[in-house]
Amino acid sequence: MMMDMPPPQILIPPVGFTPPPEAESGKSFDVVARVSFQDGELVVESINGESLAGDMPMEDEFVEEEVVEETPADLGAAMRASGLPV
């Protein structure tokens, strides 16, 4: 028995979304979407990493890097590293 399927949903693309060059009007293409399931419905949060809310950063989008500068072993090494004459 075949269930009645809802019609395809139409979404306004998020700011920053760019369709692939080969996309033509009415032609299908793949995207990566982040969704959640709430009250029996799929809620689309982002498409290709671009948030549909417009102002919410995605969880995995930003990776914070810690910059660690190496400390020279002694004063002479510190002077050489800074370009000062030793």
N, C-alpha and C. Protein backbone atom coordinates (compact mmCIF):
# COMPACT_ATOMS: atom_id res chain seq x y z
N MET A 1 0.84 -1.18 0.00
CA MET A 1 0.00 0.00 0.00
C MET A 1 0.89 1.24 0.00
N MET A 2 0.63 2.16 -0.91
CA MET A 2 1.45 3.36 -1.03
C MET A 2 0.83 4.49 -0.21
N MET A 3 1.67 5.12 0.64
CA MET A 3 1.18 6.23 1.46
C MET A 3 1.13 7.49 0.62
N ASP A 4 0.17 8.35 0.95
CA ASP A 4 0.12 9.65 0.27
C ASP A 4 1.32 10.47 0.74
N MET A 5 2.08 10.94 -0.22
CA MET A 5 3.27 11.74 0.10
C MET A 5 2.92 13.22 0.03
N PRO A 6 3.46 14.01 0.95
CA PRO A 6 3.22 15.45 0.86
C PRO A 6 3.94 16.01 -0.37
N PRO A 7 3.48 17.14 -0.85
CA PRO A 7 4.15 17.74 -2.02
C PRO A 7 5.55 18.21 -1.64
N PRO A 8 6.44 18.35 -2.62
CA PRO A 8 7.78 18.86 -2.31
C PRO A 8 7.69 20.23 -1.64
N GLN A 9 8.59 20.47 -0.71
CA GLN A 9 8.62 21.75 0.00
C GLN A 9 9.50 22.74 -0.75
N ILE A 10 9.11 23.98 -0.72
CA ILE A 10 9.90 25.05 -1.36
C ILE A 10 10.50 25.89 -0.25
N LEU A 11 11.82 26.03 -0.28
CA LEU A 11 12.54 26.83 0.71
C LEU A 11 13.24 27.99 0.02
N ILE A 12 13.28 29.12 0.68
CA ILE A 12 14.06 30.25 0.17
C ILE A 12 15.51 29.96 0.53
N PRO A 13 16.43 30.01 -0.45
CA PRO A 13 17.83 29.70 -0.15
C PRO A 13 18.40 30.66 0.90
N PRO A 14 19.26 30.15 1.78
CA PRO A 14 19.87 31.02 2.78
C PRO A 14 20.85 31.99 2.13
N VAL A 15 21.10 33.08 2.81
CA VAL A 15 22.07 34.06 2.34
C VAL A 15 23.42 33.36 2.22
N GLY A 16 24.11 33.52 1.12
CA GLY A 16 25.41 32.90 0.92
C GLY A 16 25.34 31.59 0.17
N PHE A 17 24.14 31.04 -0.04
CA PHE A 17 24.00 29.79 -0.77
C PHE A 17 24.20 30.04 -2.26
N THR A 18 25.00 29.21 -2.89
CA THR A 18 25.23 29.29 -4.32
C THR A 18 24.95 27.93 -4.93
N PRO A 19 24.01 27.85 -5.87
CA PRO A 19 23.76 26.55 -6.50
C PRO A 19 24.94 26.16 -7.37
N PRO A 20 25.11 24.86 -7.62
CA PRO A 20 26.23 24.44 -8.46
C PRO A 20 26.07 24.95 -9.89
N PRO A 21 27.18 25.13 -10.61
CA PRO A 21 27.13 25.68 -11.96
C PRO A 21 26.24 24.89 -12.91
N GLU A 22 26.17 23.57 -12.72
CA GLU A 22 25.38 22.75 -13.64
C GLU A 22 23.88 22.78 -13.33
N ALA A 23 23.48 23.45 -12.25
CA ALA A 23 22.06 23.48 -11.88
C ALA A 23 21.27 24.29 -12.90
N GLU A 24 20.17 23.74 -13.31
CA GLU A 24 19.26 24.43 -14.22
C GLU A 24 17.91 24.50 -13.55
N SER A 25 17.10 25.43 -13.95
CA SER A 25 15.77 25.58 -13.38
C SER A 25 15.00 24.27 -13.50
N GLY A 26 14.53 23.79 -12.37
CA GLY A 26 13.75 22.56 -12.35
C GLY A 26 14.55 21.28 -12.30
N LYS A 27 15.88 21.36 -12.41
CA LYS A 27 16.73 20.18 -12.39
C LYS A 27 17.23 19.94 -10.96
N SER A 28 17.22 18.69 -10.52
CA SER A 28 17.64 18.34 -9.16
C SER A 28 19.15 18.37 -9.01
N PHE A 29 19.62 18.70 -7.80
CA PHE A 29 21.03 18.61 -7.43
C PHE A 29 21.09 18.34 -5.94
N ASP A 30 22.22 17.84 -5.49
CA ASP A 30 22.39 17.46 -4.09
C ASP A 30 22.92 18.61 -3.26
N VAL A 31 22.51 18.64 -1.99
CA VAL A 31 23.02 19.58 -1.00
C VAL A 31 23.25 18.80 0.29
N VAL A 32 24.01 19.40 1.20
CA VAL A 32 24.16 18.85 2.54
C VAL A 32 23.29 19.71 3.44
N ALA A 33 22.37 19.06 4.14
CA ALA A 33 21.45 19.80 5.00
C ALA A 33 21.57 19.32 6.43
N ARG A 34 21.44 20.25 7.36
CA ARG A 34 21.37 19.92 8.79
C ARG A 34 19.91 20.12 9.17
N VAL A 35 19.31 19.05 9.71
CA VAL A 35 17.90 19.10 10.07
C VAL A 35 17.71 18.57 11.48
N SER A 36 16.57 18.92 12.06
CA SER A 36 16.17 18.32 13.33
C SER A 36 14.73 17.88 13.17
N PHE A 37 14.29 16.99 14.05
CA PHE A 37 12.94 16.46 14.00
C PHE A 37 12.20 17.01 15.21
N GLN A 38 11.20 17.86 14.97
CA GLN A 38 10.47 18.48 16.06
C GLN A 38 8.97 18.34 15.83
N ASP A 39 8.29 17.80 16.80
CA ASP A 39 6.83 17.64 16.73
C ASP A 39 6.38 16.95 15.45
N GLY A 40 7.11 15.89 15.05
CA GLY A 40 6.72 15.12 13.87
C GLY A 40 7.08 15.76 12.55
N GLU A 41 7.84 16.85 12.56
CA GLU A 41 8.22 17.53 11.33
C GLU A 41 9.73 17.70 11.25
N LEU A 42 10.26 17.67 10.04
CA LEU A 42 11.67 17.97 9.83
C LEU A 42 11.85 19.48 9.79
N VAL A 43 12.77 19.97 10.56
CA VAL A 43 13.09 21.39 10.57
C VAL A 43 14.47 21.54 9.95
N VAL A 44 14.56 22.25 8.82
CA VAL A 44 15.84 22.46 8.14
C VAL A 44 16.54 23.62 8.81
N GLU A 45 17.74 23.34 9.34
CA GLU A 45 18.52 24.35 10.04
C GLU A 45 19.52 25.05 9.12
N SER A 46 20.14 24.25 8.22
CA SER A 46 21.12 24.85 7.31
C SER A 46 21.19 24.03 6.03
N ILE A 47 21.65 24.68 4.98
CA ILE A 47 21.90 24.03 3.69
C ILE A 47 23.31 24.38 3.28
N ASN A 48 24.14 23.36 3.03
CA ASN A 48 25.55 23.53 2.69
C ASN A 48 26.27 24.45 3.68
N GLY A 49 25.91 24.32 4.96
CA GLY A 49 26.57 25.10 6.01
C GLY A 49 26.04 26.50 6.18
N GLU A 50 25.10 26.93 5.32
CA GLU A 50 24.53 28.27 5.43
C GLU A 50 23.23 28.18 6.23
N SER A 51 23.16 28.89 7.35
CA SER A 51 22.02 28.83 8.25
C SER A 51 20.78 29.45 7.61
N LEU A 52 19.65 28.79 7.77
CA LEU A 52 18.40 29.37 7.29
C LEU A 52 17.92 30.48 8.21
N ALA A 53 18.42 30.49 9.46
CA ALA A 53 18.06 31.55 10.39
C ALA A 53 18.79 32.84 10.04
N GLY A 54 19.88 32.73 9.30
CA GLY A 54 20.61 33.90 8.84
C GLY A 54 21.61 34.46 9.83
N ASP A 55 21.35 34.33 11.13
CA ASP A 55 22.25 34.93 12.10
C ASP A 55 22.86 33.93 13.07
N MET A 56 22.52 32.65 12.92
CA MET A 56 23.05 31.64 13.83
C MET A 56 24.24 30.93 13.20
N PRO A 57 25.43 30.95 13.83
CA PRO A 57 26.54 30.17 13.30
C PRO A 57 26.28 28.69 13.52
N MET A 58 26.71 27.87 12.59
CA MET A 58 26.54 26.43 12.71
C MET A 58 27.57 25.88 13.70
N GLU A 59 27.22 24.79 14.37
CA GLU A 59 28.08 24.20 15.40
C GLU A 59 29.48 23.90 14.89
N ASP A 60 29.59 23.21 13.77
CA ASP A 60 30.88 22.74 13.28
C ASP A 60 31.55 23.73 12.35
N GLU A 61 30.95 24.88 12.14
CA GLU A 61 31.46 25.82 11.15
C GLU A 61 32.78 26.48 11.57
N PHE A 62 32.90 26.82 12.85
CA PHE A 62 34.07 27.54 13.30
C PHE A 62 34.94 26.65 14.17
N VAL A 63 36.22 26.61 13.85
CA VAL A 63 37.18 25.87 14.66
C VAL A 63 38.17 26.89 15.18
N GLU A 64 38.21 27.05 16.49
CA GLU A 64 39.09 28.04 17.10
C GLU A 64 40.48 27.42 17.26
N GLU A 65 41.48 28.12 16.76
CA GLU A 65 42.85 27.64 16.88
C GLU A 65 43.58 28.45 17.93
N GLU A 66 44.33 27.76 18.75
CA GLU A 66 45.13 28.43 19.76
C GLU A 66 46.52 28.67 19.20
N VAL A 67 46.96 29.91 19.20
CA VAL A 67 48.28 30.25 18.70
C VAL A 67 49.25 30.23 19.88
N VAL A 68 50.25 29.40 19.78
CA VAL A 68 51.25 29.29 20.84
C VAL A 68 52.60 29.68 20.24
N GLU A 69 53.18 30.76 20.78
CA GLU A 69 54.49 31.18 20.31
C GLU A 69 55.54 30.47 21.15
N GLU A 70 56.57 30.00 20.46
CA GLU A 70 57.64 29.34 21.19
C GLU A 70 58.47 30.37 21.94
N THR A 71 58.77 30.07 23.18
CA THR A 71 59.58 30.96 24.00
C THR A 71 61.05 30.60 23.79
N PRO A 72 61.88 31.60 23.40
CA PRO A 72 63.30 31.31 23.22
C PRO A 72 63.92 30.82 24.52
N ALA A 73 64.94 29.97 24.39
CA ALA A 73 65.57 29.34 25.55
C ALA A 73 66.30 30.35 26.42
N ASP A 74 66.90 31.40 25.84
CA ASP A 74 67.65 32.35 26.65
C ASP A 74 67.55 33.75 26.03
N LEU A 75 68.19 34.72 26.67
CA LEU A 75 68.12 36.10 26.21
C LEU A 75 68.73 36.26 24.82
N GLY A 76 69.85 35.59 24.55
CA GLY A 76 70.50 35.67 23.24
C GLY A 76 69.58 35.15 22.14
N ALA A 77 68.90 34.04 22.39
CA ALA A 77 67.98 33.47 21.40
C ALA A 77 66.80 34.41 21.19
N ALA A 78 66.33 35.04 22.26
CA ALA A 78 65.22 35.99 22.16
C ALA A 78 65.62 37.19 21.33
N MET A 79 66.86 37.68 21.51
CA MET A 79 67.33 38.81 20.74
C MET A 79 67.48 38.45 19.26
N ARG A 80 68.03 37.27 18.99
CA ARG A 80 68.15 36.84 17.59
C ARG A 80 66.77 36.69 16.93
N ALA A 81 65.80 36.12 17.67
CA ALA A 81 64.45 35.93 17.14
C ALA A 81 63.77 37.27 16.83
N SER A 82 64.09 38.30 17.61
CA SER A 82 63.47 39.59 17.39
C SER A 82 64.21 40.43 16.34
N GLY A 83 65.37 39.95 15.89
CA GLY A 83 66.14 40.68 14.88
C GLY A 83 67.14 41.65 15.47
N LEU A 84 67.25 41.71 16.79
CA LEU A 84 68.23 42.59 17.42
C LEU A 84 69.63 41.99 17.30
N PRO A 85 70.66 42.84 17.16
CA PRO A 85 72.02 42.33 17.11
C PRO A 85 72.41 41.73 18.47
N VAL A 86 73.16 40.65 18.42
CA VAL A 86 73.54 39.96 19.66
C VAL A 86 74.95 40.33 20.02
